[in-house]
Amino acid sequence: MSLSLADAIFWIAVACCGIAQLAIVRSVLISPARVPDSQPTTAGRRFVEIAWAVLPGIGLAFVLLLTWRAMHGAVLLPNGETAFR
């Protein structure tokens, strides 16, 4: 696969992941979890909801960073082998 095609596929995947993550965070911020009337929604519970929406996005960003480094860290040696920087 050519590097420019791989780059295009990578950036399309980044855009899709970003849009999905924004939709998840937006849904958490706009509609809080339903709790029984006897249990009021507390600030601590709200913080946990937001954290559970944001932390996977941070992990995904880390995976995308590692993918980018793997894609662009390879060097083709004169003998035809591939080495990583």
PDB file of N, CA and C in Angstrom:
ATOM      1  N   MET A   1       0.850  -1.164   0.000  1.00  0.00           N
ATOM      2  CA  MET A   1       0.000   0.000   0.000  1.00  0.00           C
ATOM      3  C   MET A   1       0.902   1.235   0.000  1.00  0.00           C
ATOM      4  N   SER A   2       0.602   2.172  -0.859  1.00  0.00           N
ATOM      5  CA  SER A   2       1.436   3.366  -0.926  1.00  0.00           C
ATOM      6  C   SER A   2       1.244   4.198   0.338  1.00  0.00           C
ATOM      7  N   LEU A   3       2.267   4.970   0.665  1.00  0.00           N
ATOM      8  CA  LEU A   3       2.221   5.746   1.895  1.00  0.00           C
ATOM      9  C   LEU A   3       1.146   6.812   1.847  1.00  0.00           C
ATOM     10  N   SER A   4       0.906   7.414   0.697  1.00  0.00           N
ATOM     11  CA  SER A   4      -0.118   8.447   0.625  1.00  0.00           C
ATOM     12  C   SER A   4      -1.511   7.845   0.808  1.00  0.00           C
ATOM     13  N   LEU A   5      -1.746   6.653   0.302  1.00  0.00           N
ATOM     14  CA  LEU A   5      -3.031   5.990   0.513  1.00  0.00           C
ATOM     15  C   LEU A   5      -3.188   5.615   1.985  1.00  0.00           C
ATOM     16  N   ALA A   6      -2.120   5.113   2.589  1.00  0.00           N
ATOM     17  CA  ALA A   6      -2.157   4.770   4.009  1.00  0.00           C
ATOM     18  C   ALA A   6      -2.418   6.011   4.851  1.00  0.00           C
ATOM     19  N   ASP A   7      -1.785   7.132   4.492  1.00  0.00           N
ATOM     20  CA  ASP A   7      -2.032   8.386   5.212  1.00  0.00           C
ATOM     21  C   ASP A   7      -3.483   8.822   5.080  1.00  0.00           C
ATOM     22  N   ALA A   8      -4.042   8.709   3.891  1.00  0.00           N
ATOM     23  CA  ALA A   8      -5.436   9.110   3.677  1.00  0.00           C
ATOM     24  C   ALA A   8      -6.380   8.241   4.503  1.00  0.00           C
ATOM     25  N   ILE A   9      -6.144   6.940   4.513  1.00  0.00           N
ATOM     26  CA  ILE A   9      -6.980   6.043   5.305  1.00  0.00           C
ATOM     27  C   ILE A   9      -6.836   6.351   6.788  1.00  0.00           C
ATOM     28  N   PHE A  10      -5.618   6.625   7.225  1.00  0.00           N
ATOM     29  CA  PHE A  10      -5.383   6.963   8.629  1.00  0.00           C
ATOM     30  C   PHE A  10      -6.157   8.212   9.018  1.00  0.00           C
ATOM     31  N   TRP A  11      -6.084   9.266   8.217  1.00  0.00           N
ATOM     32  CA  TRP A  11      -6.760  10.520   8.569  1.00  0.00           C
ATOM     33  C   TRP A  11      -8.273  10.395   8.492  1.00  0.00           C
ATOM     34  N   ILE A  12      -8.778   9.552   7.602  1.00  0.00           N
ATOM     35  CA  ILE A  12     -10.219   9.292   7.573  1.00  0.00           C
ATOM     36  C   ILE A  12     -10.637   8.585   8.868  1.00  0.00           C
ATOM     37  N   ALA A  13      -9.831   7.633   9.310  1.00  0.00           N
ATOM     38  CA  ALA A  13     -10.115   6.934  10.563  1.00  0.00           C
ATOM     39  C   ALA A  13     -10.053   7.893  11.750  1.00  0.00           C
ATOM     40  N   VAL A  14      -9.079   8.805  11.756  1.00  0.00           N
ATOM     41  CA  VAL A  14      -8.978   9.796  12.822  1.00  0.00           C
ATOM     42  C   VAL A  14     -10.223  10.674  12.853  1.00  0.00           C
ATOM     43  N   ALA A  15     -10.672  11.114  11.685  1.00  0.00           N
ATOM     44  CA  ALA A  15     -11.870  11.961  11.617  1.00  0.00           C
ATOM     45  C   ALA A  15     -13.098  11.211  12.123  1.00  0.00           C
ATOM     46  N   CYS A  16     -13.252   9.964  11.712  1.00  0.00           N
ATOM     47  CA  CYS A  16     -14.406   9.170  12.171  1.00  0.00           C
ATOM     48  C   CYS A  16     -14.366   8.960  13.682  1.00  0.00           C
ATOM     49  N   CYS A  17     -13.196   8.649  14.220  1.00  0.00           N
ATOM     50  CA  CYS A  17     -13.058   8.460  15.668  1.00  0.00           C
ATOM     51  C   CYS A  17     -13.333   9.760  16.416  1.00  0.00           C
ATOM     52  N   GLY A  18     -12.854  10.874  15.874  1.00  0.00           N
ATOM     53  CA  GLY A  18     -13.094  12.168  16.510  1.00  0.00           C
ATOM     54  C   GLY A  18     -14.566  12.536  16.530  1.00  0.00           C
ATOM     55  N   ILE A  19     -15.250  12.320  15.422  1.00  0.00           N
ATOM     56  CA  ILE A  19     -16.686  12.616  15.359  1.00  0.00           C
ATOM     57  C   ILE A  19     -17.456  11.725  16.333  1.00  0.00           C
ATOM     58  N   ALA A  20     -17.117  10.450  16.369  1.00  0.00           N
ATOM     59  CA  ALA A  20     -17.795   9.539  17.291  1.00  0.00           C
ATOM     60  C   ALA A  20     -17.545   9.930  18.745  1.00  0.00           C
ATOM     61  N   GLN A  21     -16.306  10.292  19.065  1.00  0.00           N
ATOM     62  CA  GLN A  21     -15.989  10.671  20.441  1.00  0.00           C
ATOM     63  C   GLN A  21     -16.715  11.953  20.827  1.00  0.00           C
ATOM     64  N   LEU A  22     -16.783  12.923  19.919  1.00  0.00           N
ATOM     65  CA  LEU A  22     -17.531  14.154  20.210  1.00  0.00           C
ATOM     66  C   LEU A  22     -19.009  13.860  20.429  1.00  0.00           C
ATOM     67  N   ALA A  23     -19.574  12.949  19.662  1.00  0.00           N
ATOM     68  CA  ALA A  23     -20.979  12.582  19.849  1.00  0.00           C
ATOM     69  C   ALA A  23     -21.204  11.925  21.208  1.00  0.00           C
ATOM     70  N   ILE A  24     -20.270  11.084  21.627  1.00  0.00           N
ATOM     71  CA  ILE A  24     -20.386  10.433  22.937  1.00  0.00           C
ATOM     72  C   ILE A  24     -20.331  11.465  24.052  1.00  0.00           C
ATOM     73  N   VAL A  25     -19.345  12.359  23.996  1.00  0.00           N
ATOM     74  CA  VAL A  25     -19.206  13.386  25.045  1.00  0.00           C
ATOM     75  C   VAL A  25     -20.421  14.310  25.038  1.00  0.00           C
ATOM     76  N   ARG A  26     -20.900  14.674  23.856  1.00  0.00           N
ATOM     77  CA  ARG A  26     -22.076  15.544  23.763  1.00  0.00           C
ATOM     78  C   ARG A  26     -23.292  14.875  24.394  1.00  0.00           C
ATOM     79  N   SER A  27     -23.480  13.593  24.132  1.00  0.00           N
ATOM     80  CA  SER A  27     -24.639  12.904  24.701  1.00  0.00           C
ATOM     81  C   SER A  27     -24.551  12.813  26.222  1.00  0.00           C
ATOM     82  N   VAL A  28     -23.340  12.675  26.744  1.00  0.00           N
ATOM     83  CA  VAL A  28     -23.172  12.624  28.200  1.00  0.00           C
ATOM     84  C   VAL A  28     -23.456  13.994  28.813  1.00  0.00           C
ATOM     85  N   LEU A  29     -23.023  15.050  28.153  1.00  0.00           N
ATOM     86  CA  LEU A  29     -23.220  16.383  28.704  1.00  0.00           C
ATOM     87  C   LEU A  29     -24.668  16.854  28.599  1.00  0.00           C
ATOM     88  N   ILE A  30     -25.351  16.482  27.523  1.00  0.00           N
ATOM     89  CA  ILE A  30     -26.707  16.979  27.311  1.00  0.00           C
ATOM     90  C   ILE A  30     -27.751  16.191  28.109  1.00  0.00           C
ATOM     91  N   SER A  31     -27.668  14.888  28.090  1.00  0.00           N
ATOM     92  CA  SER A  31     -28.676  14.093  28.795  1.00  0.00           C
ATOM     93  C   SER A  31     -28.033  13.299  29.917  1.00  0.00           C
ATOM     94  N   PRO A  32     -28.177  13.762  31.132  1.00  0.00           N
ATOM     95  CA  PRO A  32     -27.587  13.032  32.255  1.00  0.00           C
ATOM     96  C   PRO A  32     -28.272  11.684  32.452  1.00  0.00           C
ATOM     97  N   ALA A  33     -27.588  10.787  33.143  1.00  0.00           N
ATOM     98  CA  ALA A  33     -28.126   9.456  33.391  1.00  0.00           C
ATOM     99  C   ALA A  33     -29.417   9.548  34.192  1.00  0.00           C
ATOM    100  N   ARG A  34     -30.322   8.654  33.887  1.00  0.00           N
ATOM    101  CA  ARG A  34     -31.582   8.625  34.632  1.00  0.00           C
ATOM    102  C   ARG A  34     -31.365   7.862  35.926  1.00  0.00           C
ATOM    103  N   VAL A  35     -31.744   8.494  36.997  1.00  0.00           N
ATOM    104  CA  VAL A  35     -31.663   7.854  38.308  1.00  0.00           C
ATOM    105  C   VAL A  35     -33.055   7.909  38.932  1.00  0.00           C
ATOM    106  N   PRO A  36     -33.364   6.991  39.821  1.00  0.00           N
ATOM    107  CA  PRO A  36     -34.660   7.056  40.495  1.00  0.00           C
ATOM    108  C   PRO A  36     -34.827   8.384  41.228  1.00  0.00           C
ATOM    109  N   ASP A  37     -36.080   8.801  41.388  1.00  0.00           N
ATOM    110  CA  ASP A  37     -36.346  10.083  42.047  1.00  0.00           C
ATOM    111  C   ASP A  37     -35.821  10.137  43.465  1.00  0.00           C
ATOM    112  N   SER A  38     -35.677   8.985  44.099  1.00  0.00           N
ATOM    113  CA  SER A  38     -35.183   8.972  45.476  1.00  0.00           C
ATOM    114  C   SER A  38     -33.686   9.269  45.558  1.00  0.00           C
ATOM    115  N   GLN A  39     -32.960   9.149  44.441  1.00  0.00           N
ATOM    116  CA  GLN A  39     -31.523   9.411  44.432  1.00  0.00           C
ATOM    117  C   GLN A  39     -31.231  10.630  43.569  1.00  0.00           C
ATOM    118  N   PRO A  40     -30.874  11.736  44.157  1.00  0.00           N
ATOM    119  CA  PRO A  40     -30.557  12.906  43.343  1.00  0.00           C
ATOM    120  C   PRO A  40     -29.228  12.738  42.615  1.00  0.00           C
ATOM    121  N   THR A  41     -29.119  13.372  41.465  1.00  0.00           N
ATOM    122  CA  THR A  41     -27.860  13.344  40.720  1.00  0.00           C
ATOM    123  C   THR A  41     -26.871  14.260  41.427  1.00  0.00           C
ATOM    124  N   THR A  42     -25.735  13.722  41.798  1.00  0.00           N
ATOM    125  CA  THR A  42     -24.734  14.514  42.505  1.00  0.00           C
ATOM    126  C   THR A  42     -23.627  14.926  41.546  1.00  0.00           C
ATOM    127  N   ALA A  43     -22.829  15.887  41.973  1.00  0.00           N
ATOM    128  CA  ALA A  43     -21.714  16.348  41.146  1.00  0.00           C
ATOM    129  C   ALA A  43     -20.689  15.232  40.953  1.00  0.00           C
ATOM    130  N   GLY A  44     -20.507  14.399  41.964  1.00  0.00           N
ATOM    131  CA  GLY A  44     -19.557  13.292  41.859  1.00  0.00           C
ATOM    132  C   GLY A  44     -19.987  12.278  40.817  1.00  0.00           C
ATOM    133  N   ARG A  45     -21.285  11.982  40.796  1.00  0.00           N
ATOM    134  CA  ARG A  45     -21.802  11.035  39.810  1.00  0.00           C
ATOM    135  C   ARG A  45     -21.653  11.604  38.405  1.00  0.00           C
ATOM    136  N   ARG A  46     -21.906  12.893  38.269  1.00  0.00           N
ATOM    137  CA  ARG A  46     -21.783  13.553  36.969  1.00  0.00           C
ATOM    138  C   ARG A  46     -20.329  13.514  36.484  1.00  0.00           C
ATOM    139  N   PHE A  47     -19.399  13.758  37.401  1.00  0.00           N
ATOM    140  CA  PHE A  47     -17.974  13.717  37.059  1.00  0.00           C
ATOM    141  C   PHE A  47     -17.576  12.328  36.560  1.00  0.00           C
ATOM    142  N   VAL A  48     -18.078  11.287  37.214  1.00  0.00           N
ATOM    143  CA  VAL A  48     -17.752   9.913  36.811  1.00  0.00           C
ATOM    144  C   VAL A  48     -18.301   9.632  35.414  1.00  0.00           C
ATOM    145  N   GLU A  49     -19.513  10.105  35.125  1.00  0.00           N
ATOM    146  CA  GLU A  49     -20.085   9.907  33.792  1.00  0.00           C
ATOM    147  C   GLU A  49     -19.207  10.552  32.719  1.00  0.00           C
ATOM    148  N   ILE A  50     -18.781  11.773  32.976  1.00  0.00           N
ATOM    149  CA  ILE A  50     -17.948  12.495  32.010  1.00  0.00           C
ATOM    150  C   ILE A  50     -16.583  11.812  31.871  1.00  0.00           C
ATOM    151  N   ALA A  51     -16.028  11.365  32.987  1.00  0.00           N
ATOM    152  CA  ALA A  51     -14.728  10.688  32.942  1.00  0.00           C
ATOM    153  C   ALA A  51     -14.808   9.405  32.117  1.00  0.00           C
ATOM    154  N   TRP A  52     -15.900   8.641  32.274  1.00  0.00           N
ATOM    155  CA  TRP A  52     -16.058   7.402  31.515  1.00  0.00           C
ATOM    156  C   TRP A  52     -16.282   7.676  30.034  1.00  0.00           C
ATOM    157  N   ALA A  53     -16.654   8.887  29.687  1.00  0.00           N
ATOM    158  CA  ALA A  53     -16.801   9.245  28.271  1.00  0.00           C
ATOM    159  C   ALA A  53     -15.488   9.774  27.689  1.00  0.00           C
ATOM    160  N   VAL A  54     -14.683  10.454  28.512  1.00  0.00           N
ATOM    161  CA  VAL A  54     -13.464  11.095  28.021  1.00  0.00           C
ATOM    162  C   VAL A  54     -12.259  10.151  28.042  1.00  0.00           C
ATOM    163  N   LEU A  55     -12.132   9.325  29.046  1.00  0.00           N
ATOM    164  CA  LEU A  55     -10.957   8.454  29.172  1.00  0.00           C
ATOM    165  C   LEU A  55     -10.764   7.514  27.976  1.00  0.00           C
ATOM    166  N   PRO A  56     -11.798   6.885  27.442  1.00  0.00           N
ATOM    167  CA  PRO A  56     -11.570   6.070  26.240  1.00  0.00           C
ATOM    168  C   PRO A  56     -11.077   6.898  25.053  1.00  0.00           C
ATOM    169  N   GLY A  57     -11.516   8.146  24.966  1.00  0.00           N
ATOM    170  CA  GLY A  57     -11.030   9.022  23.897  1.00  0.00           C
ATOM    171  C   GLY A  57      -9.551   9.314  24.037  1.00  0.00           C
ATOM    172  N   ILE A  58      -9.090   9.483  25.260  1.00  0.00           N
ATOM    173  CA  ILE A  58      -7.665   9.704  25.501  1.00  0.00           C
ATOM    174  C   ILE A  58      -6.872   8.451  25.123  1.00  0.00           C
ATOM    175  N   GLY A  59      -7.394   7.290  25.501  1.00  0.00           N
ATOM    176  CA  GLY A  59      -6.746   6.034  25.119  1.00  0.00           C
ATOM    177  C   GLY A  59      -6.704   5.852  23.609  1.00  0.00           C
ATOM    178  N   LEU A  60      -7.786   6.216  22.941  1.00  0.00           N
ATOM    179  CA  LEU A  60      -7.839   6.117  21.485  1.00  0.00           C
ATOM    180  C   LEU A  60      -6.827   7.063  20.843  1.00  0.00           C
ATOM    181  N   ALA A  61      -6.687   8.256  21.379  1.00  0.00           N
ATOM    182  CA  ALA A  61      -5.692   9.196  20.852  1.00  0.00           C
ATOM    183  C   ALA A  61      -4.281   8.619  20.992  1.00  0.00           C
ATOM    184  N   PHE A  62      -4.017   7.944  22.107  1.00  0.00           N
ATOM    185  CA  PHE A  62      -2.712   7.320  22.321  1.00  0.00           C
ATOM    186  C   PHE A  62      -2.463   6.214  21.290  1.00  0.00           C
ATOM    187  N   VAL A  63      -3.490   5.403  21.033  1.00  0.00           N
ATOM    188  CA  VAL A  63      -3.359   4.332  20.036  1.00  0.00           C
ATOM    189  C   VAL A  63      -3.136   4.922  18.642  1.00  0.00           C
ATOM    190  N   LEU A  64      -3.844   5.991  18.306  1.00  0.00           N
ATOM    191  CA  LEU A  64      -3.654   6.631  17.007  1.00  0.00           C
ATOM    192  C   LEU A  64      -2.245   7.216  16.882  1.00  0.00           C
ATOM    193  N   LEU A  65      -1.724   7.777  17.962  1.00  0.00           N
ATOM    194  CA  LEU A  65      -0.358   8.290  17.955  1.00  0.00           C
ATOM    195  C   LEU A  65       0.648   7.170  17.712  1.00  0.00           C
ATOM    196  N   LEU A  66       0.459   6.048  18.392  1.00  0.00           N
ATOM    197  CA  LEU A  66       1.365   4.916  18.184  1.00  0.00           C
ATOM    198  C   LEU A  66       1.256   4.378  16.758  1.00  0.00           C
ATOM    199  N   THR A  67       0.054   4.387  16.210  1.00  0.00           N
ATOM    200  CA  THR A  67      -0.134   3.936  14.827  1.00  0.00           C
ATOM    201  C   THR A  67       0.600   4.854  13.865  1.00  0.00           C
ATOM    202  N   TRP A  68       0.490   6.162  14.084  1.00  0.00           N
ATOM    203  CA  TRP A  68       1.172   7.134  13.227  1.00  0.00           C
ATOM    204  C   TRP A  68       2.685   6.920  13.291  1.00  0.00           C
ATOM    205  N   ARG A  69       3.209   6.725  14.501  1.00  0.00           N
ATOM    206  CA  ARG A  69       4.648   6.505  14.653  1.00  0.00           C
ATOM    207  C   ARG A  69       5.078   5.212  13.970  1.00  0.00           C
ATOM    208  N   ALA A  70       4.254   4.175  14.034  1.00  0.00           N
ATOM    209  CA  ALA A  70       4.592   2.919  13.377  1.00  0.00           C
ATOM    210  C   ALA A  70       4.571   3.073  11.858  1.00  0.00           C
ATOM    211  N   MET A  71       3.637   3.877  11.360  1.00  0.00           N
ATOM    212  CA  MET A  71       3.545   4.082   9.913  1.00  0.00           C
ATOM    213  C   MET A  71       4.729   4.870   9.377  1.00  0.00           C
ATOM    214  N   HIS A  72       5.189   5.851  10.140  1.00  0.00           N
ATOM    215  CA  HIS A  72       6.230   6.748   9.641  1.00  0.00           C
ATOM    216  C   HIS A  72       7.594   6.516  10.273  1.00  0.00           C
ATOM    217  N   GLY A  73       7.706   5.503  11.115  1.00  0.00           N
ATOM    218  CA  GLY A  73       8.989   5.215  11.735  1.00  0.00           C
ATOM    219  C   GLY A  73       9.806   4.193  10.965  1.00  0.00           C
ATOM    220  N   ALA A  74       9.246   3.607   9.942  1.00  0.00           N
ATOM    221  CA  ALA A  74       9.946   2.575   9.185  1.00  0.00           C
ATOM    222  C   ALA A  74      10.902   3.200   8.175  1.00  0.00           C
ATOM    223  N   VAL A  75      12.076   2.608   8.062  1.00  0.00           N
ATOM    224  CA  VAL A  75      13.091   3.062   7.110  1.00  0.00           C
ATOM    225  C   VAL A  75      13.472   1.870   6.239  1.00  0.00           C
ATOM    226  N   LEU A  76      13.495   2.079   4.948  1.00  0.00           N
ATOM    227  CA  LEU A  76      13.885   1.017   4.033  1.00  0.00           C
ATOM    228  C   LEU A  76      15.410   1.019   3.902  1.00  0.00           C
ATOM    229  N   LEU A  77      16.027  -0.094   4.257  1.00  0.00           N
ATOM    230  CA  LEU A  77      17.483  -0.212   4.205  1.00  0.00           C
ATOM    231  C   LEU A  77      17.917  -0.572   2.780  1.00  0.00           C
ATOM    232  N   PRO A  78      19.199  -0.319   2.430  1.00  0.00           N
ATOM    233  CA  PRO A  78      19.681  -0.618   1.086  1.00  0.00           C
ATOM    234  C   PRO A  78      19.533  -2.093   0.674  1.00  0.00           C
ATOM    235  N   ASN A  79      19.566  -2.994   1.633  1.00  0.00           N
ATOM    236  CA  ASN A  79      19.441  -4.416   1.297  1.00  0.00           C
ATOM    237  C   ASN A  79      17.990  -4.865   1.171  1.00  0.00           C
ATOM    238  N   GLY A  80      17.046  -3.926   1.241  1.00  0.00           N
ATOM    239  CA  GLY A  80      15.635  -4.232   1.041  1.00  0.00           C
ATOM    240  C   GLY A  80      14.866  -4.534   2.313  1.00  0.00           C
ATOM    241  N   GLU A  81      15.540  -4.584   3.452  1.00  0.00           N
ATOM    242  CA  GLU A  81      14.867  -4.846   4.708  1.00  0.00           C
ATOM    243  C   GLU A  81      14.286  -3.550   5.277  1.00  0.00           C
ATOM    244  N   THR A  82      13.324  -3.705   6.175  1.00  0.00           N
ATOM    245  CA  THR A  82      12.714  -2.563   6.824  1.00  0.00           C
ATOM    246  C   THR A  82      13.197  -2.497   8.269  1.00  0.00           C
ATOM    247  N   ALA A  83      13.598  -1.316   8.708  1.00  0.00           N
ATOM    248  CA  ALA A  83      14.026  -1.105  10.080  1.00  0.00           C
ATOM    249  C   ALA A  83      13.218   0.047  10.652  1.00  0.00           C
ATOM    250  N   PHE A  84      13.021   0.017  11.960  1.00  0.00           N
ATOM    251  CA  PHE A  84      12.290   1.098  12.636  1.00  0.00           C
ATOM    252  C   PHE A  84      13.251   1.999  13.382  1.00  0.00           C
ATOM    253  N   ARG A  85      12.972   3.274  13.335  1.00  0.00           N
ATOM    254  CA  ARG A  85      13.805   4.244  14.056  1.00  0.00           C
ATOM    255  C   ARG A  85      13.499   4.211  15.514  1.00  0.00           C
TER     256      ARG A  85
END
